[in-house]
């Protein structure tokens, strides 16, 4: 599958979310969207990233921007993760990995000499028309949510 690039229209999705219900990208038409893909609920980096986005959520909202996190974890796992860390950003579950694949973030990874498939931590900033404005591949968590917020403010 071809990599998505800046200027491309972001693939829509309709997936279950934490707390019940479903989320689709099209329901946020007219708002900017930060879509952050992360490997696994309640792991060190993913927790730090989700907390950082939660702490800045009011500032994203003030900039008319919705923040959505997505991983292949189940809704049940997301619910536990949200409760444990008092998260307020939307968490979407893609257990089938169709959206993860559509965005090109479901990749072969390696650790300790073994290869496996997993999510490459990546963030997409979508403009109000649903086009990709900026992509952060292979995200390093420290300072990332602030960088994304600065990019949102520059839209």
N, C-alpha and C. Protein backbone atom coordinates (compact mmCIF):
# COMPACT_ATOMS: atom_id res chain seq x y z
N UNK A 1 0.84 -1.19 0.00
CA UNK A 1 0.00 0.00 0.00
C UNK A 1 0.88 1.25 0.00
N UNK A 2 0.46 2.21 -0.78
CA UNK A 2 1.23 3.47 -0.87
C UNK A 2 1.15 4.23 0.45
N UNK A 3 2.23 4.87 0.79
CA UNK A 3 2.26 5.69 1.99
C UNK A 3 1.36 6.92 1.79
N UNK A 4 0.67 7.30 2.83
CA UNK A 4 -0.11 8.53 2.79
C UNK A 4 0.84 9.70 2.96
N UNK A 5 0.60 10.75 2.19
CA UNK A 5 1.48 11.90 2.30
C UNK A 5 0.70 13.16 2.63
N UNK A 6 1.44 14.22 2.93
CA UNK A 6 0.84 15.52 3.21
C UNK A 6 0.03 15.94 1.98
N UNK A 7 -1.17 16.45 2.22
CA UNK A 7 -2.05 16.88 1.15
C UNK A 7 -3.06 15.82 0.73
N UNK A 8 -2.80 14.57 1.08
CA UNK A 8 -3.73 13.48 0.75
C UNK A 8 -4.97 13.59 1.63
N UNK A 9 -6.07 13.06 1.13
CA UNK A 9 -7.29 13.02 1.94
C UNK A 9 -7.15 11.86 2.92
N UNK A 10 -7.39 12.11 4.19
CA UNK A 10 -7.24 11.07 5.22
C UNK A 10 -8.35 10.03 5.07
N UNK A 11 -8.00 8.74 5.12
CA UNK A 11 -9.02 7.69 5.03
C UNK A 11 -10.00 7.78 6.20
N UNK A 12 -11.29 7.70 5.89
CA UNK A 12 -12.30 7.72 6.94
C UNK A 12 -12.32 6.37 7.64
N UNK A 13 -12.91 6.30 8.80
CA UNK A 13 -13.07 5.05 9.53
C UNK A 13 -14.33 5.17 10.38
N UNK A 14 -14.82 4.04 10.82
CA UNK A 14 -15.96 3.98 11.72
C UNK A 14 -15.65 2.83 12.68
N UNK A 15 -15.19 3.19 13.89
CA UNK A 15 -14.67 2.19 14.82
C UNK A 15 -15.24 2.40 16.22
N UNK A 16 -15.25 1.32 17.03
CA UNK A 16 -15.72 1.45 18.41
C UNK A 16 -14.74 2.26 19.26
N UNK A 17 -15.30 2.97 20.25
CA UNK A 17 -14.47 3.81 21.10
C UNK A 17 -14.63 3.44 22.56
N UNK A 18 -13.72 3.99 23.38
CA UNK A 18 -13.81 3.79 24.83
C UNK A 18 -15.16 4.32 25.30
N UNK A 19 -15.72 3.69 26.33
CA UNK A 19 -16.97 4.16 26.90
C UNK A 19 -18.20 3.82 26.08
N UNK A 20 -18.04 3.09 24.98
CA UNK A 20 -19.17 2.71 24.14
C UNK A 20 -19.37 3.70 23.00
N UNK A 21 -20.13 3.29 22.02
CA UNK A 21 -20.37 4.14 20.87
C UNK A 21 -19.30 3.94 19.82
N UNK A 22 -19.40 4.72 18.75
CA UNK A 22 -18.47 4.60 17.64
C UNK A 22 -17.96 5.98 17.25
N UNK A 23 -16.84 6.00 16.58
CA UNK A 23 -16.25 7.26 16.11
C UNK A 23 -15.92 7.09 14.63
N UNK A 24 -16.29 8.10 13.85
CA UNK A 24 -15.85 8.13 12.46
C UNK A 24 -15.19 9.48 12.23
N UNK A 25 -14.26 9.50 11.32
CA UNK A 25 -13.56 10.74 11.01
C UNK A 25 -14.53 11.78 10.44
N UNK A 26 -15.47 11.31 9.62
CA UNK A 26 -16.39 12.24 8.95
C UNK A 26 -17.27 13.01 9.94
N UNK A 27 -17.47 12.49 11.15
CA UNK A 27 -18.30 13.22 12.12
C UNK A 27 -17.63 14.50 12.62
N UNK A 28 -16.34 14.66 12.33
CA UNK A 28 -15.61 15.85 12.79
C UNK A 28 -15.31 16.81 11.64
N UNK A 29 -16.05 16.68 10.54
CA UNK A 29 -15.87 17.59 9.42
C UNK A 29 -16.01 19.02 9.90
N UNK A 30 -15.12 19.89 9.44
CA UNK A 30 -15.15 21.29 9.88
C UNK A 30 -14.27 21.55 11.09
N UNK A 31 -13.69 20.49 11.66
CA UNK A 31 -12.74 20.64 12.76
C UNK A 31 -11.41 20.04 12.32
N UNK A 32 -10.32 20.54 12.88
CA UNK A 32 -9.04 19.87 12.67
C UNK A 32 -9.02 18.64 13.58
N UNK A 33 -8.27 17.62 13.16
CA UNK A 33 -8.20 16.37 13.94
C UNK A 33 -6.74 15.98 14.11
N UNK A 34 -6.38 15.65 15.35
CA UNK A 34 -5.07 15.04 15.64
C UNK A 34 -5.36 13.56 15.84
N UNK A 35 -4.74 12.74 15.01
CA UNK A 35 -4.93 11.29 15.09
C UNK A 35 -3.60 10.69 15.48
N UNK A 36 -3.53 10.20 16.74
CA UNK A 36 -2.25 9.61 17.16
C UNK A 36 -2.41 8.10 17.30
N UNK A 37 -1.54 7.39 16.60
CA UNK A 37 -1.54 5.93 16.61
C UNK A 37 -0.48 5.48 17.60
N UNK A 38 -0.85 4.56 18.48
CA UNK A 38 0.10 4.10 19.49
C UNK A 38 0.03 2.58 19.62
N UNK A 39 1.13 1.94 20.05
CA UNK A 39 1.18 0.48 20.05
C UNK A 39 0.28 -0.23 21.07
N UNK A 40 0.25 0.21 22.34
CA UNK A 40 -0.43 -0.61 23.34
C UNK A 40 -0.83 0.20 24.56
N UNK A 41 -2.08 -0.04 25.01
CA UNK A 41 -2.56 0.60 26.23
C UNK A 41 -1.67 0.26 27.42
N UNK A 42 -1.50 1.24 28.30
CA UNK A 42 -0.86 1.05 29.59
C UNK A 42 0.59 0.59 29.53
N UNK A 43 1.29 0.96 28.45
CA UNK A 43 2.74 0.75 28.42
C UNK A 43 3.36 2.13 28.65
N UNK A 44 4.61 2.18 29.01
CA UNK A 44 5.23 3.43 29.45
C UNK A 44 5.07 4.58 28.46
N UNK A 45 5.52 4.38 27.23
CA UNK A 45 5.46 5.45 26.23
C UNK A 45 4.04 5.83 25.87
N UNK A 46 3.19 4.83 25.70
CA UNK A 46 1.80 5.09 25.30
C UNK A 46 1.04 5.81 26.40
N UNK A 47 1.32 5.46 27.64
CA UNK A 47 0.69 6.13 28.77
C UNK A 47 1.13 7.59 28.83
N UNK A 48 2.44 7.82 28.72
CA UNK A 48 2.97 9.20 28.77
C UNK A 48 2.37 10.04 27.64
N UNK A 49 2.27 9.46 26.43
CA UNK A 49 1.73 10.19 25.29
C UNK A 49 0.25 10.52 25.49
N UNK A 50 -0.52 9.55 25.95
CA UNK A 50 -1.96 9.75 26.15
C UNK A 50 -2.22 10.77 27.26
N UNK A 51 -1.43 10.74 28.32
CA UNK A 51 -1.56 11.72 29.40
C UNK A 51 -1.21 13.11 28.89
N UNK A 52 -0.14 13.22 28.09
CA UNK A 52 0.28 14.53 27.57
C UNK A 52 -0.83 15.13 26.69
N UNK A 53 -1.44 14.32 25.83
CA UNK A 53 -2.54 14.84 25.00
C UNK A 53 -3.75 15.20 25.86
N UNK A 54 -4.02 14.41 26.89
CA UNK A 54 -5.13 14.72 27.80
C UNK A 54 -4.89 16.06 28.51
N UNK A 55 -3.66 16.28 28.97
CA UNK A 55 -3.35 17.52 29.70
C UNK A 55 -3.52 18.76 28.82
N UNK A 56 -3.34 18.59 27.50
CA UNK A 56 -3.46 19.73 26.58
C UNK A 56 -4.81 19.75 25.85
N UNK A 57 -5.71 18.86 26.24
CA UNK A 57 -6.97 18.73 25.50
C UNK A 57 -7.77 20.02 25.42
N UNK A 58 -7.82 20.78 26.52
CA UNK A 58 -8.57 22.04 26.51
C UNK A 58 -7.97 23.01 25.49
N UNK A 59 -6.65 23.01 25.38
CA UNK A 59 -6.00 23.91 24.42
C UNK A 59 -6.26 23.46 22.99
N UNK A 60 -6.30 22.14 22.75
CA UNK A 60 -6.67 21.65 21.42
C UNK A 60 -8.12 22.04 21.12
N UNK A 61 -9.00 21.86 22.10
CA UNK A 61 -10.42 22.20 21.91
C UNK A 61 -10.58 23.69 21.61
N UNK A 62 -9.81 24.52 22.28
CA UNK A 62 -9.87 25.96 22.04
C UNK A 62 -9.44 26.30 20.61
N UNK A 63 -8.61 25.43 20.03
CA UNK A 63 -8.17 25.61 18.64
C UNK A 63 -9.07 24.84 17.67
N UNK A 64 -10.27 24.44 18.14
CA UNK A 64 -11.25 23.74 17.32
C UNK A 64 -10.69 22.44 16.74
N UNK A 65 -10.00 21.71 17.62
CA UNK A 65 -9.32 20.48 17.20
C UNK A 65 -9.70 19.32 18.11
N UNK A 66 -10.00 18.18 17.50
CA UNK A 66 -10.33 16.95 18.23
C UNK A 66 -9.09 16.07 18.27
N UNK A 67 -8.83 15.44 19.41
CA UNK A 67 -7.69 14.53 19.54
C UNK A 67 -8.22 13.10 19.68
N UNK A 68 -7.74 12.22 18.80
CA UNK A 68 -8.17 10.81 18.80
C UNK A 68 -6.93 9.93 18.86
N UNK A 69 -6.90 9.01 19.81
CA UNK A 69 -5.84 8.01 19.88
C UNK A 69 -6.37 6.69 19.34
N UNK A 70 -5.53 5.94 18.66
CA UNK A 70 -5.96 4.65 18.10
C UNK A 70 -4.88 3.60 18.29
N UNK A 71 -5.32 2.42 18.72
CA UNK A 71 -4.42 1.27 18.83
C UNK A 71 -5.23 0.02 18.50
N UNK A 72 -4.55 -1.12 18.37
CA UNK A 72 -5.28 -2.36 18.12
C UNK A 72 -5.88 -2.98 19.38
N UNK A 73 -5.76 -2.31 20.53
CA UNK A 73 -6.33 -2.84 21.77
C UNK A 73 -7.86 -2.83 21.71
N UNK A 74 -8.47 -3.67 22.52
CA UNK A 74 -9.94 -3.75 22.58
C UNK A 74 -10.53 -2.54 23.31
N UNK A 75 -11.83 -2.33 23.12
CA UNK A 75 -12.53 -1.26 23.84
C UNK A 75 -12.41 -1.51 25.34
N UNK A 76 -12.53 -2.75 25.76
CA UNK A 76 -12.42 -3.09 27.19
C UNK A 76 -11.05 -2.65 27.74
N UNK A 77 -10.00 -2.89 26.97
CA UNK A 77 -8.65 -2.47 27.36
C UNK A 77 -8.59 -0.94 27.43
N UNK A 78 -9.16 -0.27 26.42
CA UNK A 78 -9.19 1.20 26.43
C UNK A 78 -9.90 1.72 27.67
N UNK A 79 -11.05 1.12 28.00
CA UNK A 79 -11.82 1.57 29.17
C UNK A 79 -10.98 1.49 30.45
N UNK A 80 -10.25 0.39 30.63
CA UNK A 80 -9.38 0.25 31.80
C UNK A 80 -8.29 1.30 31.79
N UNK A 81 -7.69 1.52 30.63
CA UNK A 81 -6.62 2.49 30.45
C UNK A 81 -7.11 3.90 30.79
N UNK A 82 -8.28 4.25 30.31
CA UNK A 82 -8.88 5.57 30.57
C UNK A 82 -9.11 5.76 32.07
N UNK A 83 -9.71 4.74 32.71
CA UNK A 83 -10.00 4.84 34.15
C UNK A 83 -8.72 4.94 34.97
N UNK A 84 -7.76 4.11 34.66
CA UNK A 84 -6.52 4.06 35.44
C UNK A 84 -5.76 5.38 35.39
N UNK A 85 -5.76 6.05 34.21
CA UNK A 85 -4.95 7.26 34.04
C UNK A 85 -5.77 8.53 33.86
N UNK A 86 -7.09 8.42 34.07
CA UNK A 86 -7.98 9.57 33.99
C UNK A 86 -7.83 10.32 32.66
N UNK A 87 -7.85 9.55 31.57
CA UNK A 87 -7.67 10.12 30.23
C UNK A 87 -8.98 10.70 29.72
N UNK A 88 -8.90 11.77 28.95
CA UNK A 88 -10.12 12.35 28.39
C UNK A 88 -10.12 12.41 26.87
N UNK A 89 -9.00 12.07 26.23
CA UNK A 89 -8.99 12.04 24.77
C UNK A 89 -9.77 10.82 24.29
N UNK A 90 -10.34 10.89 23.11
CA UNK A 90 -11.06 9.76 22.53
C UNK A 90 -10.07 8.64 22.23
N UNK A 91 -10.39 7.42 22.62
CA UNK A 91 -9.55 6.28 22.26
C UNK A 91 -10.39 5.33 21.40
N UNK A 92 -9.86 5.02 20.24
CA UNK A 92 -10.57 4.19 19.28
C UNK A 92 -9.86 2.85 19.15
N UNK A 93 -10.65 1.79 19.00
CA UNK A 93 -10.12 0.44 18.92
C UNK A 93 -10.17 -0.06 17.47
N UNK A 94 -9.02 -0.49 16.95
CA UNK A 94 -8.96 -1.07 15.61
C UNK A 94 -8.38 -2.47 15.71
N UNK A 95 -9.17 -3.37 16.29
CA UNK A 95 -8.70 -4.74 16.47
C UNK A 95 -8.47 -5.45 15.13
N UNK A 96 -9.22 -5.06 14.09
CA UNK A 96 -9.05 -5.67 12.77
C UNK A 96 -7.83 -5.10 12.04
N UNK A 97 -7.33 -3.96 12.52
CA UNK A 97 -6.15 -3.28 11.98
C UNK A 97 -6.34 -2.72 10.57
N UNK A 98 -7.59 -2.58 10.11
CA UNK A 98 -7.84 -2.06 8.77
C UNK A 98 -7.46 -0.58 8.67
N UNK A 99 -7.80 0.21 9.68
CA UNK A 99 -7.45 1.64 9.66
C UNK A 99 -5.95 1.81 9.88
N UNK A 100 -5.38 1.02 10.78
CA UNK A 100 -3.93 1.08 11.01
C UNK A 100 -3.19 0.81 9.69
N UNK A 101 -3.68 -0.16 8.92
CA UNK A 101 -3.06 -0.46 7.63
C UNK A 101 -3.31 0.66 6.63
N UNK A 102 -4.52 1.22 6.62
CA UNK A 102 -4.86 2.30 5.67
C UNK A 102 -3.95 3.51 5.88
N UNK A 103 -3.55 3.76 7.13
CA UNK A 103 -2.67 4.89 7.44
C UNK A 103 -1.19 4.51 7.37
N UNK A 104 -0.91 3.24 7.09
CA UNK A 104 0.48 2.81 6.92
C UNK A 104 1.27 2.72 8.20
N UNK A 105 0.59 2.56 9.34
CA UNK A 105 1.31 2.52 10.62
C UNK A 105 1.42 1.10 11.19
N UNK A 106 0.78 0.11 10.54
CA UNK A 106 0.90 -1.30 10.96
C UNK A 106 2.09 -1.84 10.19
N UNK A 107 3.23 -2.01 10.89
CA UNK A 107 4.48 -2.30 10.21
C UNK A 107 5.22 -3.45 10.87
N UNK A 108 6.17 -3.98 10.10
CA UNK A 108 7.06 -4.97 10.67
C UNK A 108 8.07 -4.24 11.55
N UNK A 109 8.20 -4.72 12.77
CA UNK A 109 9.13 -4.12 13.72
C UNK A 109 10.07 -5.22 14.20
N UNK A 110 11.15 -4.83 14.85
CA UNK A 110 12.01 -5.86 15.42
C UNK A 110 12.50 -5.42 16.79
N UNK A 111 12.61 -6.41 17.66
CA UNK A 111 13.14 -6.17 19.00
C UNK A 111 13.90 -7.42 19.44
N UNK A 112 15.08 -7.20 19.95
CA UNK A 112 15.92 -8.31 20.42
C UNK A 112 16.07 -9.39 19.34
N UNK A 113 16.21 -8.95 18.08
CA UNK A 113 16.47 -9.89 17.01
C UNK A 113 15.26 -10.61 16.44
N UNK A 114 14.07 -10.40 17.02
CA UNK A 114 12.90 -11.06 16.43
C UNK A 114 12.02 -10.01 15.76
N UNK A 115 11.40 -10.39 14.67
CA UNK A 115 10.52 -9.45 13.97
C UNK A 115 9.07 -9.80 14.28
N UNK A 116 8.24 -8.78 14.28
CA UNK A 116 6.81 -8.95 14.55
C UNK A 116 6.08 -7.76 13.95
N UNK A 117 4.77 -7.89 13.82
CA UNK A 117 3.97 -6.78 13.31
C UNK A 117 3.46 -5.95 14.50
N UNK A 118 3.49 -4.63 14.33
CA UNK A 118 3.02 -3.76 15.40
C UNK A 118 2.80 -2.35 14.88
N UNK A 119 2.29 -1.50 15.76
CA UNK A 119 2.01 -0.12 15.40
C UNK A 119 3.28 0.71 15.55
N UNK A 120 3.61 1.46 14.49
CA UNK A 120 4.70 2.42 14.58
C UNK A 120 4.08 3.72 15.09
N UNK A 121 4.54 4.19 16.24
CA UNK A 121 3.96 5.38 16.86
C UNK A 121 4.05 6.56 15.88
N UNK A 122 2.90 7.01 15.41
CA UNK A 122 2.83 8.04 14.37
C UNK A 122 1.65 8.95 14.67
N UNK A 123 1.80 10.23 14.38
CA UNK A 123 0.70 11.19 14.56
C UNK A 123 0.43 11.90 13.24
N UNK A 124 -0.86 12.05 12.94
CA UNK A 124 -1.30 12.78 11.75
C UNK A 124 -2.10 13.99 12.20
N UNK A 125 -1.84 15.13 11.58
CA UNK A 125 -2.66 16.33 11.79
C UNK A 125 -3.48 16.53 10.53
N UNK A 126 -4.80 16.54 10.69
CA UNK A 126 -5.72 16.70 9.56
C UNK A 126 -6.36 18.08 9.63
N UNK A 127 -6.45 18.75 8.49
CA UNK A 127 -7.08 20.07 8.49
C UNK A 127 -8.61 19.92 8.51
N UNK A 128 -9.30 21.04 8.49
CA UNK A 128 -10.77 21.01 8.64
C UNK A 128 -11.47 20.37 7.45
N UNK A 129 -10.77 20.17 6.34
CA UNK A 129 -11.34 19.48 5.18
C UNK A 129 -10.96 18.00 5.16
N UNK A 130 -10.24 17.54 6.20
CA UNK A 130 -9.87 16.13 6.26
C UNK A 130 -8.63 15.77 5.45
N UNK A 131 -7.85 16.78 5.09
CA UNK A 131 -6.60 16.52 4.37
C UNK A 131 -5.45 16.46 5.38
N UNK A 132 -4.45 15.66 5.04
CA UNK A 132 -3.29 15.51 5.93
C UNK A 132 -2.42 16.76 5.81
N UNK A 133 -2.27 17.44 6.94
CA UNK A 133 -1.50 18.68 7.00
C UNK A 133 -0.04 18.39 7.41
N UNK A 134 0.13 17.42 8.33
CA UNK A 134 1.48 17.12 8.84
C UNK A 134 1.47 15.70 9.38
N UNK A 135 2.62 15.04 9.26
CA UNK A 135 2.79 13.67 9.77
C UNK A 135 4.06 13.64 10.62
N UNK A 136 3.93 13.04 11.81
CA UNK A 136 5.09 12.81 12.67
C UNK A 136 5.32 11.29 12.70
N UNK A 137 6.29 10.77 11.95
CA UNK A 137 6.56 9.33 12.02
C UNK A 137 7.50 9.01 13.18
N UNK A 138 7.45 7.78 13.65
CA UNK A 138 8.37 7.29 14.69
C UNK A 138 8.50 8.31 15.83
N UNK A 139 7.37 8.65 16.40
CA UNK A 139 7.28 9.69 17.42
C UNK A 139 8.11 9.36 18.66
N UNK A 140 8.83 10.36 19.13
CA UNK A 140 9.45 10.31 20.46
C UNK A 140 8.49 11.08 21.37
N UNK A 141 8.08 10.48 22.46
CA UNK A 141 6.98 11.00 23.26
C UNK A 141 7.28 12.35 23.93
N UNK A 142 8.47 12.52 24.47
CA UNK A 142 8.77 13.74 25.23
C UNK A 142 8.58 14.99 24.37
N UNK A 143 7.69 15.87 24.79
CA UNK A 143 7.45 17.13 24.08
C UNK A 143 6.58 17.01 22.84
N UNK A 144 6.16 15.80 22.50
CA UNK A 144 5.42 15.59 21.25
C UNK A 144 4.06 16.29 21.24
N UNK A 145 3.27 16.13 22.30
CA UNK A 145 1.93 16.75 22.32
C UNK A 145 2.04 18.27 22.17
N UNK A 146 3.06 18.87 22.76
CA UNK A 146 3.27 20.31 22.65
C UNK A 146 3.62 20.69 21.21
N UNK A 147 4.47 19.87 20.55
CA UNK A 147 4.81 20.12 19.14
C UNK A 147 3.56 20.09 18.27
N UNK A 148 2.70 19.10 18.54
CA UNK A 148 1.47 18.96 17.75
C UNK A 148 0.56 20.17 17.99
N UNK A 149 0.45 20.59 19.24
CA UNK A 149 -0.38 21.76 19.56
C UNK A 149 0.14 23.00 18.83
N UNK A 150 1.46 23.19 18.78
CA UNK A 150 2.02 24.33 18.06
C UNK A 150 1.68 24.26 16.58
N UNK A 151 1.70 23.05 16.00
CA UNK A 151 1.35 22.89 14.58
C UNK A 151 -0.14 23.19 14.36
N UNK A 152 -0.98 22.80 15.31
CA UNK A 152 -2.42 23.10 15.23
C UNK A 152 -2.64 24.61 15.23
N UNK A 153 -1.95 25.29 16.12
CA UNK A 153 -2.10 26.75 16.22
C UNK A 153 -1.62 27.45 14.95
N UNK A 154 -0.71 26.81 14.21
CA UNK A 154 -0.18 27.41 12.98
C UNK A 154 -1.07 27.14 11.76
N UNK A 155 -2.09 26.31 11.93
CA UNK A 155 -2.98 25.99 10.80
C UNK A 155 -3.67 27.22 10.24
